[in-house]
């Protein structure tokens, strides 16, 4: 799976905040690192999260819920989802409102990792 490094996510966040407003800044770099690494956790030599869509869903969920940035955690989480899908050759079709709902529902605790994965599957072209 093609993924992103922490430095790339930080740069991505800066660009998102510059384009859409809000405060730039990192609240806790460790939480951002944790979000990116969680999808690749193993136990006894086995991936805990198998498959690209599950891994992407875990990263998105953790970026939103960990609050590693001062502002824009939902935006960076959802934008990272789109970027990771594109990097891995997965095409989805969605409206802007649907993307907003993914971010909001995840932040509110309505969506879990599995829900994000199911959302991607429903929108896959």
PDB file of N, CA and C in Angstrom:
ATOM      1  N   UNK A   1       0.840  -1.186   0.000  1.00  0.00           N
ATOM      2  CA  UNK A   1       0.000   0.000   0.000  1.00  0.00           C
ATOM      3  C   UNK A   1       0.883   1.246   0.000  1.00  0.00           C
ATOM      4  N   UNK A   2       0.530   2.192  -0.833  1.00  0.00           N
ATOM      5  CA  UNK A   2       1.221   3.479  -0.834  1.00  0.00           C
ATOM      6  C   UNK A   2       0.614   4.323   0.282  1.00  0.00           C
ATOM      7  N   UNK A   3       1.489   4.907   1.102  1.00  0.00           N
ATOM      8  CA  UNK A   3       1.022   5.704   2.229  1.00  0.00           C
ATOM      9  C   UNK A   3       1.772   7.024   2.276  1.00  0.00           C
ATOM     10  N   UNK A   4       1.582   7.773   3.325  1.00  0.00           N
ATOM     11  CA  UNK A   4       2.200   9.088   3.474  1.00  0.00           C
ATOM     12  C   UNK A   4       3.060   9.109   4.728  1.00  0.00           C
ATOM     13  N   UNK A   5       4.072   9.944   4.703  1.00  0.00           N
ATOM     14  CA  UNK A   5       4.937  10.156   5.865  1.00  0.00           C
ATOM     15  C   UNK A   5       4.348  11.288   6.711  1.00  0.00           C
ATOM     16  N   UNK A   6       4.773  11.360   7.945  1.00  0.00           N
ATOM     17  CA  UNK A   6       4.289  12.400   8.853  1.00  0.00           C
ATOM     18  C   UNK A   6       4.561  13.789   8.280  1.00  0.00           C
ATOM     19  N   UNK A   7       5.756  14.005   7.764  1.00  0.00           N
ATOM     20  CA  UNK A   7       6.112  15.317   7.199  1.00  0.00           C
ATOM     21  C   UNK A   7       5.177  15.691   6.047  1.00  0.00           C
ATOM     22  N   UNK A   8       4.774  14.706   5.251  1.00  0.00           N
ATOM     23  CA  UNK A   8       3.851  14.976   4.146  1.00  0.00           C
ATOM     24  C   UNK A   8       2.469  15.377   4.671  1.00  0.00           C
ATOM     25  N   UNK A   9       2.015  14.721   5.734  1.00  0.00           N
ATOM     26  CA  UNK A   9       0.720  15.069   6.319  1.00  0.00           C
ATOM     27  C   UNK A   9       0.771  16.476   6.909  1.00  0.00           C
ATOM     28  N   UNK A  10       1.862  16.822   7.548  1.00  0.00           N
ATOM     29  CA  UNK A  10       2.011  18.164   8.128  1.00  0.00           C
ATOM     30  C   UNK A  10       1.977  19.216   7.020  1.00  0.00           C
ATOM     31  N   UNK A  11       2.682  18.973   5.931  1.00  0.00           N
ATOM     32  CA  UNK A  11       2.666  19.899   4.793  1.00  0.00           C
ATOM     33  C   UNK A  11       1.276  19.975   4.177  1.00  0.00           C
ATOM     34  N   UNK A  12       0.633  18.841   4.029  1.00  0.00           N
ATOM     35  CA  UNK A  12      -0.730  18.757   3.490  1.00  0.00           C
ATOM     36  C   UNK A  12      -1.672  19.589   4.360  1.00  0.00           C
ATOM     37  N   UNK A  13      -1.540  19.453   5.673  1.00  0.00           N
ATOM     38  CA  UNK A  13      -2.371  20.209   6.608  1.00  0.00           C
ATOM     39  C   UNK A  13      -2.172  21.714   6.429  1.00  0.00           C
ATOM     40  N   UNK A  14      -0.914  22.138   6.306  1.00  0.00           N
ATOM     41  CA  UNK A  14      -0.619  23.563   6.097  1.00  0.00           C
ATOM     42  C   UNK A  14      -1.326  24.087   4.852  1.00  0.00           C
ATOM     43  N   UNK A  15      -1.287  23.311   3.774  1.00  0.00           N
ATOM     44  CA  UNK A  15      -1.920  23.726   2.519  1.00  0.00           C
ATOM     45  C   UNK A  15      -3.440  23.783   2.662  1.00  0.00           C
ATOM     46  N   UNK A  16      -4.008  22.825   3.369  1.00  0.00           N
ATOM     47  CA  UNK A  16      -5.467  22.791   3.576  1.00  0.00           C
ATOM     48  C   UNK A  16      -5.909  24.008   4.384  1.00  0.00           C
ATOM     49  N   UNK A  17      -5.201  24.308   5.461  1.00  0.00           N
ATOM     50  CA  UNK A  17      -5.554  25.449   6.308  1.00  0.00           C
ATOM     51  C   UNK A  17      -5.380  26.760   5.546  1.00  0.00           C
ATOM     52  N   UNK A  18      -4.317  26.845   4.771  1.00  0.00           N
ATOM     53  CA  UNK A  18      -4.094  28.066   3.975  1.00  0.00           C
ATOM     54  C   UNK A  18      -5.237  28.274   2.978  1.00  0.00           C
ATOM     55  N   UNK A  19      -5.712  27.200   2.384  1.00  0.00           N
ATOM     56  CA  UNK A  19      -6.772  27.294   1.370  1.00  0.00           C
ATOM     57  C   UNK A  19      -8.168  27.472   1.974  1.00  0.00           C
ATOM     58  N   UNK A  20      -8.404  26.895   3.152  1.00  0.00           N
ATOM     59  CA  UNK A  20      -9.772  26.876   3.686  1.00  0.00           C
ATOM     60  C   UNK A  20      -9.960  27.668   4.970  1.00  0.00           C
ATOM     61  N   UNK A  21      -8.858  28.142   5.560  1.00  0.00           N
ATOM     62  CA  UNK A  21      -8.951  28.925   6.785  1.00  0.00           C
ATOM     63  C   UNK A  21      -8.727  28.090   8.025  1.00  0.00           C
ATOM     64  N   UNK A  22      -8.633  28.797   9.138  1.00  0.00           N
ATOM     65  CA  UNK A  22      -8.407  28.136  10.412  1.00  0.00           C
ATOM     66  C   UNK A  22      -6.989  28.345  10.886  1.00  0.00           C
ATOM     67  N   UNK A  23      -6.664  27.667  11.960  1.00  0.00           N
ATOM     68  CA  UNK A  23      -5.354  27.820  12.587  1.00  0.00           C
ATOM     69  C   UNK A  23      -4.409  26.709  12.162  1.00  0.00           C
ATOM     70  N   UNK A  24      -3.203  27.119  11.795  1.00  0.00           N
ATOM     71  CA  UNK A  24      -2.165  26.146  11.473  1.00  0.00           C
ATOM     72  C   UNK A  24      -1.433  25.807  12.761  1.00  0.00           C
ATOM     73  N   UNK A  25      -0.962  24.605  12.852  1.00  0.00           N
ATOM     74  CA  UNK A  25      -0.165  24.234  14.008  1.00  0.00           C
ATOM     75  C   UNK A  25      -0.407  22.803  14.438  1.00  0.00           C
ATOM     76  N   UNK A  26       0.601  22.252  15.060  1.00  0.00           N
ATOM     77  CA  UNK A  26       0.543  20.882  15.549  1.00  0.00           C
ATOM     78  C   UNK A  26       0.300  20.935  17.055  1.00  0.00           C
ATOM     79  N   UNK A  27      -0.701  20.220  17.502  1.00  0.00           N
ATOM     80  CA  UNK A  27      -0.980  20.107  18.931  1.00  0.00           C
ATOM     81  C   UNK A  27      -0.125  19.020  19.552  1.00  0.00           C
ATOM     82  N   UNK A  28       0.005  17.884  18.827  1.00  0.00           N
ATOM     83  CA  UNK A  28       0.792  16.760  19.344  1.00  0.00           C
ATOM     84  C   UNK A  28       1.265  15.903  18.170  1.00  0.00           C
ATOM     85  N   UNK A  29       2.542  16.031  17.832  1.00  0.00           N
ATOM     86  CA  UNK A  29       3.104  15.292  16.693  1.00  0.00           C
ATOM     87  C   UNK A  29       2.979  13.785  16.898  1.00  0.00           C
ATOM     88  N   UNK A  30       3.096  13.333  18.129  1.00  0.00           N
ATOM     89  CA  UNK A  30       2.977  11.906  18.427  1.00  0.00           C
ATOM     90  C   UNK A  30       1.621  11.342  18.046  1.00  0.00           C
ATOM     91  N   UNK A  31       0.568  12.152  18.184  1.00  0.00           N
ATOM     92  CA  UNK A  31      -0.770  11.697  17.811  1.00  0.00           C
ATOM     93  C   UNK A  31      -0.921  11.573  16.292  1.00  0.00           C
ATOM     94  N   UNK A  32      -0.235  12.427  15.562  1.00  0.00           N
ATOM     95  CA  UNK A  32      -0.254  12.341  14.098  1.00  0.00           C
ATOM     96  C   UNK A  32       0.521  11.092  13.667  1.00  0.00           C
ATOM     97  N   UNK A  33       1.686  10.882  14.258  1.00  0.00           N
ATOM     98  CA  UNK A  33       2.476   9.684  13.963  1.00  0.00           C
ATOM     99  C   UNK A  33       1.682   8.422  14.296  1.00  0.00           C
ATOM    100  N   UNK A  34       1.026   8.436  15.429  1.00  0.00           N
ATOM    101  CA  UNK A  34       0.217   7.290  15.855  1.00  0.00           C
ATOM    102  C   UNK A  34      -0.893   7.001  14.854  1.00  0.00           C
ATOM    103  N   UNK A  35      -1.541   8.049  14.375  1.00  0.00           N
ATOM    104  CA  UNK A  35      -2.635   7.881  13.402  1.00  0.00           C
ATOM    105  C   UNK A  35      -2.136   7.209  12.130  1.00  0.00           C
ATOM    106  N   UNK A  36      -0.971   7.619  11.649  1.00  0.00           N
ATOM    107  CA  UNK A  36      -0.434   7.056  10.417  1.00  0.00           C
ATOM    108  C   UNK A  36       0.088   5.635  10.611  1.00  0.00           C
ATOM    109  N   UNK A  37       0.600   5.347  11.785  1.00  0.00           N
ATOM    110  CA  UNK A  37       1.191   4.034  12.035  1.00  0.00           C
ATOM    111  C   UNK A  37       0.179   2.978  12.470  1.00  0.00           C
ATOM    112  N   UNK A  38      -0.951   3.403  13.017  1.00  0.00           N
ATOM    113  CA  UNK A  38      -1.930   2.454  13.559  1.00  0.00           C
ATOM    114  C   UNK A  38      -2.360   1.408  12.534  1.00  0.00           C
ATOM    115  N   UNK A  39      -2.532   1.812  11.304  1.00  0.00           N
ATOM    116  CA  UNK A  39      -3.009   0.900  10.256  1.00  0.00           C
ATOM    117  C   UNK A  39      -2.036  -0.236   9.968  1.00  0.00           C
ATOM    118  N   UNK A  40      -0.795  -0.086  10.385  1.00  0.00           N
ATOM    119  CA  UNK A  40       0.236  -1.080  10.087  1.00  0.00           C
ATOM    120  C   UNK A  40       0.646  -1.882  11.328  1.00  0.00           C
ATOM    121  N   UNK A  41      -0.193  -1.825  12.351  1.00  0.00           N
ATOM    122  CA  UNK A  41       0.050  -2.573  13.578  1.00  0.00           C
ATOM    123  C   UNK A  41      -0.094  -4.065  13.311  1.00  0.00           C
ATOM    124  N   UNK A  42       0.797  -4.834  13.926  1.00  0.00           N
ATOM    125  CA  UNK A  42       0.732  -6.291  13.791  1.00  0.00           C
ATOM    126  C   UNK A  42       0.691  -6.926  15.179  1.00  0.00           C
ATOM    127  N   UNK A  43       0.216  -8.144  15.206  1.00  0.00           N
ATOM    128  CA  UNK A  43       0.254  -8.955  16.416  1.00  0.00           C
ATOM    129  C   UNK A  43       0.635 -10.363  16.004  1.00  0.00           C
ATOM    130  N   UNK A  44       1.676 -10.876  16.604  1.00  0.00           N
ATOM    131  CA  UNK A  44       2.152 -12.216  16.305  1.00  0.00           C
ATOM    132  C   UNK A  44       2.425 -12.389  14.803  1.00  0.00           C
ATOM    133  N   UNK A  45       2.966 -11.331  14.196  1.00  0.00           N
ATOM    134  CA  UNK A  45       3.319 -11.383  12.784  1.00  0.00           C
ATOM    135  C   UNK A  45       2.173 -11.184  11.809  1.00  0.00           C
ATOM    136  N   UNK A  46       0.987 -10.929  12.313  1.00  0.00           N
ATOM    137  CA  UNK A  46      -0.195 -10.750  11.455  1.00  0.00           C
ATOM    138  C   UNK A  46      -0.675  -9.304  11.515  1.00  0.00           C
ATOM    139  N   UNK A  47      -1.055  -8.747  10.347  1.00  0.00           N
ATOM    140  CA  UNK A  47      -1.637  -7.410  10.316  1.00  0.00           C
ATOM    141  C   UNK A  47      -2.941  -7.407  11.094  1.00  0.00           C
ATOM    142  N   UNK A  48      -3.126  -6.397  11.946  1.00  0.00           N
ATOM    143  CA  UNK A  48      -4.405  -6.260  12.643  1.00  0.00           C
ATOM    144  C   UNK A  48      -5.472  -5.676  11.717  1.00  0.00           C
ATOM    145  N   UNK A  49      -5.016  -4.923  10.718  1.00  0.00           N
ATOM    146  CA  UNK A  49      -5.932  -4.296   9.747  1.00  0.00           C
ATOM    147  C   UNK A  49      -5.515  -4.748   8.360  1.00  0.00           C
ATOM    148  N   UNK A  50      -6.254  -5.703   7.817  1.00  0.00           N
ATOM    149  CA  UNK A  50      -5.905  -6.263   6.510  1.00  0.00           C
ATOM    150  C   UNK A  50      -6.653  -5.562   5.394  1.00  0.00           C
ATOM    151  N   UNK A  51      -5.949  -5.298   4.323  1.00  0.00           N
ATOM    152  CA  UNK A  51      -6.542  -4.695   3.137  1.00  0.00           C
ATOM    153  C   UNK A  51      -6.362  -3.185   3.111  1.00  0.00           C
ATOM    154  N   UNK A  52      -6.250  -2.667   1.915  1.00  0.00           N
ATOM    155  CA  UNK A  52      -5.997  -1.235   1.712  1.00  0.00           C
ATOM    156  C   UNK A  52      -7.132  -0.386   2.264  1.00  0.00           C
ATOM    157  N   UNK A  53      -8.374  -0.746   1.975  1.00  0.00           N
ATOM    158  CA  UNK A  53      -9.495   0.084   2.432  1.00  0.00           C
ATOM    159  C   UNK A  53      -9.569   0.135   3.954  1.00  0.00           C
ATOM    160  N   UNK A  54      -9.333  -0.976   4.593  1.00  0.00           N
ATOM    161  CA  UNK A  54      -9.344  -0.996   6.067  1.00  0.00           C
ATOM    162  C   UNK A  54      -8.214  -0.120   6.605  1.00  0.00           C
ATOM    163  N   UNK A  55      -7.035  -0.218   6.015  1.00  0.00           N
ATOM    164  CA  UNK A  55      -5.902   0.587   6.467  1.00  0.00           C
ATOM    165  C   UNK A  55      -6.184   2.078   6.284  1.00  0.00           C
ATOM    166  N   UNK A  56      -6.721   2.445   5.142  1.00  0.00           N
ATOM    167  CA  UNK A  56      -7.054   3.849   4.898  1.00  0.00           C
ATOM    168  C   UNK A  56      -8.100   4.316   5.903  1.00  0.00           C
ATOM    169  N   UNK A  57      -9.098   3.509   6.161  1.00  0.00           N
ATOM    170  CA  UNK A  57     -10.158   3.866   7.111  1.00  0.00           C
ATOM    171  C   UNK A  57      -9.596   4.088   8.512  1.00  0.00           C
ATOM    172  N   UNK A  58      -8.666   3.252   8.915  1.00  0.00           N
ATOM    173  CA  UNK A  58      -8.040   3.366  10.237  1.00  0.00           C
ATOM    174  C   UNK A  58      -7.245   4.673  10.333  1.00  0.00           C
ATOM    175  N   UNK A  59      -6.508   5.002   9.286  1.00  0.00           N
ATOM    176  CA  UNK A  59      -5.730   6.247   9.271  1.00  0.00           C
ATOM    177  C   UNK A  59      -6.653   7.460   9.351  1.00  0.00           C
ATOM    178  N   UNK A  60      -7.706   7.463   8.542  1.00  0.00           N
ATOM    179  CA  UNK A  60      -8.646   8.586   8.510  1.00  0.00           C
ATOM    180  C   UNK A  60      -9.292   8.766   9.885  1.00  0.00           C
ATOM    181  N   UNK A  61      -9.781   7.676  10.442  1.00  0.00           N
ATOM    182  CA  UNK A  61     -10.432   7.726  11.747  1.00  0.00           C
ATOM    183  C   UNK A  61      -9.474   8.288  12.802  1.00  0.00           C
ATOM    184  N   UNK A  62      -8.252   7.783  12.824  1.00  0.00           N
ATOM    185  CA  UNK A  62      -7.286   8.220  13.835  1.00  0.00           C
ATOM    186  C   UNK A  62      -6.868   9.676  13.635  1.00  0.00           C
ATOM    187  N   UNK A  63      -6.706  10.122  12.390  1.00  0.00           N
ATOM    188  CA  UNK A  63      -6.358  11.533  12.164  1.00  0.00           C
ATOM    189  C   UNK A  63      -7.457  12.450  12.693  1.00  0.00           C
ATOM    190  N   UNK A  64      -8.696  12.073  12.479  1.00  0.00           N
ATOM    191  CA  UNK A  64      -9.809  12.906  12.932  1.00  0.00           C
ATOM    192  C   UNK A  64      -9.952  12.844  14.455  1.00  0.00           C
ATOM    193  N   UNK A  65      -9.925  11.652  15.016  1.00  0.00           N
ATOM    194  CA  UNK A  65     -10.202  11.488  16.443  1.00  0.00           C
ATOM    195  C   UNK A  65      -9.021  11.834  17.358  1.00  0.00           C
ATOM    196  N   UNK A  66      -7.791  11.694  16.879  1.00  0.00           N
ATOM    197  CA  UNK A  66      -6.632  11.967  17.725  1.00  0.00           C
ATOM    198  C   UNK A  66      -6.407  13.457  17.983  1.00  0.00           C
ATOM    199  N   UNK A  67      -6.914  14.300  17.097  1.00  0.00           N
ATOM    200  CA  UNK A  67      -6.750  15.758  17.249  1.00  0.00           C
ATOM    201  C   UNK A  67      -5.280  16.156  17.372  1.00  0.00           C
ATOM    202  N   UNK A  68      -4.468  15.650  16.457  1.00  0.00           N
ATOM    203  CA  UNK A  68      -3.043  15.970  16.464  1.00  0.00           C
ATOM    204  C   UNK A  68      -2.740  17.402  16.045  1.00  0.00           C
ATOM    205  N   UNK A  69      -3.658  18.010  15.299  1.00  0.00           N
ATOM    206  CA  UNK A  69      -3.469  19.390  14.854  1.00  0.00           C
ATOM    207  C   UNK A  69      -4.313  20.327  15.706  1.00  0.00           C
ATOM    208  N   UNK A  70      -3.914  21.581  15.761  1.00  0.00           N
ATOM    209  CA  UNK A  70      -4.650  22.596  16.504  1.00  0.00           C
ATOM    210  C   UNK A  70      -6.049  22.777  15.917  1.00  0.00           C
ATOM    211  N   UNK A  71      -6.152  22.710  14.605  1.00  0.00           N
ATOM    212  CA  UNK A  71      -7.408  22.932  13.888  1.00  0.00           C
ATOM    213  C   UNK A  71      -7.348  22.120  12.597  1.00  0.00           C
ATOM    214  N   UNK A  72      -8.493  21.834  12.022  1.00  0.00           N
ATOM    215  CA  UNK A  72      -8.529  21.197  10.712  1.00  0.00           C
ATOM    216  C   UNK A  72      -8.352  19.695  10.720  1.00  0.00           C
ATOM    217  N   UNK A  73      -8.578  19.040  11.848  1.00  0.00           N
ATOM    218  CA  UNK A  73      -8.401  17.586  11.924  1.00  0.00           C
ATOM    219  C   UNK A  73      -9.378  16.837  11.024  1.00  0.00           C
ATOM    220  N   UNK A  74     -10.626  17.285  10.962  1.00  0.00           N
ATOM    221  CA  UNK A  74     -11.609  16.631  10.081  1.00  0.00           C
ATOM    222  C   UNK A  74     -11.222  16.838   8.618  1.00  0.00           C
ATOM    223  N   UNK A  75     -10.833  18.065   8.298  1.00  0.00           N
ATOM    224  CA  UNK A  75     -10.456  18.367   6.915  1.00  0.00           C
ATOM    225  C   UNK A  75      -9.228  17.568   6.479  1.00  0.00           C
ATOM    226  N   UNK A  76      -8.222  17.504   7.336  1.00  0.00           N
ATOM    227  CA  UNK A  76      -7.020  16.753   6.953  1.00  0.00           C
ATOM    228  C   UNK A  76      -7.318  15.264   6.900  1.00  0.00           C
ATOM    229  N   UNK A  77      -8.180  14.768   7.776  1.00  0.00           N
ATOM    230  CA  UNK A  77      -8.543  13.350   7.745  1.00  0.00           C
ATOM    231  C   UNK A  77      -9.249  12.966   6.462  1.00  0.00           C
ATOM    232  N   UNK A  78     -10.256  13.746   6.101  1.00  0.00           N
ATOM    233  CA  UNK A  78     -11.027  13.441   4.886  1.00  0.00           C
ATOM    234  C   UNK A  78     -10.170  13.656   3.637  1.00  0.00           C
ATOM    235  N   UNK A  79      -9.371  14.704   3.625  1.00  0.00           N
ATOM    236  CA  UNK A  79      -8.494  14.953   2.470  1.00  0.00           C
ATOM    237  C   UNK A  79      -7.435  13.865   2.333  1.00  0.00           C
ATOM    238  N   UNK A  80      -6.935  13.375   3.452  1.00  0.00           N
ATOM    239  CA  UNK A  80      -5.974  12.278   3.427  1.00  0.00           C
ATOM    240  C   UNK A  80      -6.624  11.018   2.874  1.00  0.00           C
ATOM    241  N   UNK A  81      -7.886  10.787   3.233  1.00  0.00           N
ATOM    242  CA  UNK A  81      -8.612   9.638   2.680  1.00  0.00           C
ATOM    243  C   UNK A  81      -8.628   9.716   1.154  1.00  0.00           C
ATOM    244  N   UNK A  82      -8.997  10.876   0.621  1.00  0.00           N
ATOM    245  CA  UNK A  82      -9.062  11.041  -0.834  1.00  0.00           C
ATOM    246  C   UNK A  82      -7.687  10.847  -1.482  1.00  0.00           C
ATOM    247  N   UNK A  83      -6.663  11.398  -0.851  1.00  0.00           N
ATOM    248  CA  UNK A  83      -5.313  11.277  -1.398  1.00  0.00           C
ATOM    249  C   UNK A  83      -4.823   9.830  -1.360  1.00  0.00           C
ATOM    250  N   UNK A  84      -5.034   9.135  -0.251  1.00  0.00           N
ATOM    251  CA  UNK A  84      -4.604   7.737  -0.157  1.00  0.00           C
ATOM    252  C   UNK A  84      -5.356   6.849  -1.145  1.00  0.00           C
ATOM    253  N   UNK A  85      -6.642   7.115  -1.312  1.00  0.00           N
ATOM    254  CA  UNK A  85      -7.403   6.340  -2.302  1.00  0.00           C
ATOM    255  C   UNK A  85      -6.812   6.556  -3.692  1.00  0.00           C
ATOM    256  N   UNK A  86      -6.535   7.809  -4.020  1.00  0.00           N
ATOM    257  CA  UNK A  86      -5.970   8.120  -5.343  1.00  0.00           C
ATOM    258  C   UNK A  86      -4.594   7.484  -5.521  1.00  0.00           C
ATOM    259  N   UNK A  87      -3.741   7.606  -4.509  1.00  0.00           N
ATOM    260  CA  UNK A  87      -2.395   7.031  -4.590  1.00  0.00           C
ATOM    261  C   UNK A  87      -2.431   5.517  -4.803  1.00  0.00           C
ATOM    262  N   UNK A  88      -3.483   4.890  -4.295  1.00  0.00           N
ATOM    263  CA  UNK A  88      -3.597   3.437  -4.384  1.00  0.00           C
ATOM    264  C   UNK A  88      -4.533   2.986  -5.505  1.00  0.00           C
ATOM    265  N   UNK A  89      -4.869   3.911  -6.417  1.00  0.00           N
ATOM    266  CA  UNK A  89      -5.635   3.558  -7.610  1.00  0.00           C
ATOM    267  C   UNK A  89      -7.094   3.220  -7.356  1.00  0.00           C
ATOM    268  N   UNK A  90      -7.666   3.749  -6.284  1.00  0.00           N
ATOM    269  CA  UNK A  90      -9.069   3.484  -5.953  1.00  0.00           C
ATOM    270  C   UNK A  90      -9.875   4.736  -6.250  1.00  0.00           C
ATOM    271  N   UNK A  91     -10.909   4.578  -7.066  1.00  0.00           N
ATOM    272  CA  UNK A  91     -11.742   5.704  -7.468  1.00  0.00           C
ATOM    273  C   UNK A  91     -13.079   5.642  -6.749  1.00  0.00           C
ATOM    274  N   UNK A  92     -13.490   6.785  -6.208  1.00  0.00           N
ATOM    275  CA  UNK A  92     -14.814   6.874  -5.596  1.00  0.00           C
ATOM    276  C   UNK A  92     -15.541   8.076  -6.183  1.00  0.00           C
ATOM    277  N   UNK A  93     -16.859   8.027  -6.069  1.00  0.00           N
ATOM    278  CA  UNK A  93     -17.703   9.131  -6.527  1.00  0.00           C
ATOM    279  C   UNK A  93     -18.479   9.625  -5.320  1.00  0.00           C
ATOM    280  N   UNK A  94     -18.488  10.949  -5.110  1.00  0.00           N
ATOM    281  CA  UNK A  94     -19.071  11.529  -3.907  1.00  0.00           C
ATOM    282  C   UNK A  94     -19.438  12.985  -4.157  1.00  0.00           C
ATOM    283  N   UNK A  95     -20.279  13.511  -3.276  1.00  0.00           N
ATOM    284  CA  UNK A  95     -20.575  14.940  -3.301  1.00  0.00           C
ATOM    285  C   UNK A  95     -19.780  15.604  -2.179  1.00  0.00           C
ATOM    286  N   UNK A  96     -19.637  16.894  -2.248  1.00  0.00           N
ATOM    287  CA  UNK A  96     -18.934  17.639  -1.205  1.00  0.00           C
ATOM    288  C   UNK A  96     -19.638  17.448   0.141  1.00  0.00           C
ATOM    289  N   UNK A  97     -20.960  17.451   0.118  1.00  0.00           N
ATOM    290  CA  UNK A  97     -21.727  17.270   1.351  1.00  0.00           C
ATOM    291  C   UNK A  97     -21.466  15.902   1.980  1.00  0.00           C
ATOM    292  N   UNK A  98     -21.320  14.879   1.149  1.00  0.00           N
ATOM    293  CA  UNK A  98     -21.031  13.540   1.676  1.00  0.00           C
ATOM    294  C   UNK A  98     -19.668  13.505   2.380  1.00  0.00           C
ATOM    295  N   UNK A  99     -18.689  14.217   1.829  1.00  0.00           N
ATOM    296  CA  UNK A  99     -17.377  14.281   2.468  1.00  0.00           C
ATOM    297  C   UNK A  99     -17.465  14.999   3.810  1.00  0.00           C
ATOM    298  N   UNK A 100     -18.211  16.068   3.836  1.00  0.00           N
ATOM    299  CA  UNK A 100     -18.401  16.816   5.086  1.00  0.00           C
ATOM    300  C   UNK A 100     -19.018  15.909   6.140  1.00  0.00           C
ATOM    301  N   UNK A 101     -20.010  15.128   5.729  1.00  0.00           N
ATOM    302  CA  UNK A 101     -20.690  14.233   6.665  1.00  0.00           C
ATOM    303  C   UNK A 101     -19.745  13.159   7.210  1.00  0.00           C
ATOM    304  N   UNK A 102     -18.835  12.649   6.384  1.00  0.00           N
ATOM    305  CA  UNK A 102     -17.860  11.664   6.870  1.00  0.00           C
ATOM    306  C   UNK A 102     -17.035  12.279   7.996  1.00  0.00           C
ATOM    307  N   UNK A 103     -16.536  13.477   7.776  1.00  0.00           N
ATOM    308  CA  UNK A 103     -15.735  14.152   8.797  1.00  0.00           C
ATOM    309  C   UNK A 103     -16.516  14.433  10.060  1.00  0.00           C
ATOM    310  N   UNK A 104     -17.714  14.980   9.904  1.00  0.00           N
ATOM    311  CA  UNK A 104     -18.533  15.321  11.067  1.00  0.00           C
ATOM    312  C   UNK A 104     -18.966  14.087  11.839  1.00  0.00           C
ATOM    313  N   UNK A 105     -19.447  13.076  11.145  1.00  0.00           N
ATOM    314  CA  UNK A 105     -19.919  11.857  11.818  1.00  0.00           C
ATOM    315  C   UNK A 105     -18.780  11.131  12.540  1.00  0.00           C
ATOM    316  N   UNK A 106     -17.598  11.179  11.958  1.00  0.00           N
ATOM    317  CA  UNK A 106     -16.455  10.558  12.610  1.00  0.00           C
ATOM    318  C   UNK A 106     -16.091  11.342  13.876  1.00  0.00           C
ATOM    319  N   UNK A 107     -16.027  12.651  13.759  1.00  0.00           N
ATOM    320  CA  UNK A 107     -15.683  13.485  14.915  1.00  0.00           C
ATOM    321  C   UNK A 107     -16.713  13.338  16.039  1.00  0.00           C
ATOM    322  N   UNK A 108     -17.978  13.181  15.671  1.00  0.00           N
ATOM    323  CA  UNK A 108     -19.050  13.056  16.663  1.00  0.00           C
ATOM    324  C   UNK A 108     -19.120  11.666  17.282  1.00  0.00           C
ATOM    325  N   UNK A 109     -18.370  10.717  16.738  1.00  0.00           N
ATOM    326  CA  UNK A 109     -18.389   9.361  17.266  1.00  0.00           C
ATOM    327  C   UNK A 109     -19.453   8.475  16.641  1.00  0.00           C
ATOM    328  N   UNK A 110     -20.140   8.979  15.619  1.00  0.00           N
ATOM    329  CA  UNK A 110     -21.160   8.189  14.927  1.00  0.00           C
ATOM    330  C   UNK A 110     -20.494   7.166  14.013  1.00  0.00           C
ATOM    331  N   UNK A 111     -19.444   7.586  13.309  1.00  0.00           N
ATOM    332  CA  UNK A 111     -18.700   6.689  12.425  1.00  0.00           C
ATOM    333  C   UNK A 111     -17.475   6.152  13.144  1.00  0.00           C
ATOM    334  N   UNK A 112     -17.283   4.856  13.025  1.00  0.00           N
ATOM    335  CA  UNK A 112     -16.075   4.176  13.491  1.00  0.00           C
ATOM    336  C   UNK A 112     -15.265   3.801  12.246  1.00  0.00           C
ATOM    337  N   UNK A 113     -14.158   3.138  12.452  1.00  0.00           N
ATOM    338  CA  UNK A 113     -13.299   2.741  11.334  1.00  0.00           C
ATOM    339  C   UNK A 113     -14.062   1.911  10.306  1.00  0.00           C
ATOM    340  N   UNK A 114     -14.892   0.979  10.793  1.00  0.00           N
ATOM    341  CA  UNK A 114     -15.649   0.092   9.888  1.00  0.00           C
ATOM    342  C   UNK A 114     -16.650   0.888   9.046  1.00  0.00           C
ATOM    343  N   UNK A 115     -17.220   1.933   9.644  1.00  0.00           N
ATOM    344  CA  UNK A 115     -18.196   2.756   8.924  1.00  0.00           C
ATOM    345  C   UNK A 115     -17.525   3.533   7.791  1.00  0.00           C
ATOM    346  N   UNK A 116     -16.335   4.008   8.043  1.00  0.00           N
ATOM    347  CA  UNK A 116     -15.596   4.716   6.990  1.00  0.00           C
ATOM    348  C   UNK A 116     -15.278   3.756   5.855  1.00  0.00           C
ATOM    349  N   UNK A 117     -14.853   2.549   6.199  1.00  0.00           N
ATOM    350  CA  UNK A 117     -14.569   1.545   5.168  1.00  0.00           C
ATOM    351  C   UNK A 117     -15.824   1.241   4.355  1.00  0.00           C
ATOM    352  N   UNK A 118     -16.949   1.080   5.011  1.00  0.00           N
ATOM    353  CA  UNK A 118     -18.206   0.805   4.303  1.00  0.00           C
ATOM    354  C   UNK A 118     -18.619   1.988   3.430  1.00  0.00           C
ATOM    355  N   UNK A 119     -18.378   3.194   3.907  1.00  0.00           N
ATOM    356  CA  UNK A 119     -18.679   4.393   3.125  1.00  0.00           C
ATOM    357  C   UNK A 119     -17.860   4.384   1.838  1.00  0.00           C
ATOM    358  N   UNK A 120     -16.573   4.066   1.952  1.00  0.00           N
ATOM    359  CA  UNK A 120     -15.716   4.006   0.771  1.00  0.00           C
ATOM    360  C   UNK A 120     -16.240   2.952  -0.199  1.00  0.00           C
ATOM    361  N   UNK A 121     -16.572   1.774   0.312  1.00  0.00           N
ATOM    362  CA  UNK A 121     -17.074   0.699  -0.543  1.00  0.00           C
ATOM    363  C   UNK A 121     -18.362   1.104  -1.282  1.00  0.00           C
ATOM    364  N   UNK A 122     -19.243   1.811  -0.573  1.00  0.00           N
ATOM    365  CA  UNK A 122     -20.507   2.254  -1.202  1.00  0.00           C
ATOM    366  C   UNK A 122     -20.268   3.291  -2.294  1.00  0.00           C
ATOM    367  N   UNK A 123     -19.167   4.037  -2.190  1.00  0.00           N
ATOM    368  CA  UNK A 123     -18.894   5.114  -3.140  1.00  0.00           C
ATOM    369  C   UNK A 123     -17.865   4.738  -4.203  1.00  0.00           C
ATOM    370  N   UNK A 124     -17.373   3.507  -4.124  1.00  0.00           N
ATOM    371  CA  UNK A 124     -16.364   3.062  -5.085  1.00  0.00           C
ATOM    372  C   UNK A 124     -16.978   2.928  -6.482  1.00  0.00           C
ATOM    373  N   UNK A 125     -16.204   3.382  -7.469  1.00  0.00           N
ATOM    374  CA  UNK A 125     -16.666   3.323  -8.863  1.00  0.00           C
ATOM    375  C   UNK A 125     -16.150   2.070  -9.523  1.00  0.00           C
TER     376      UNK A 125
END
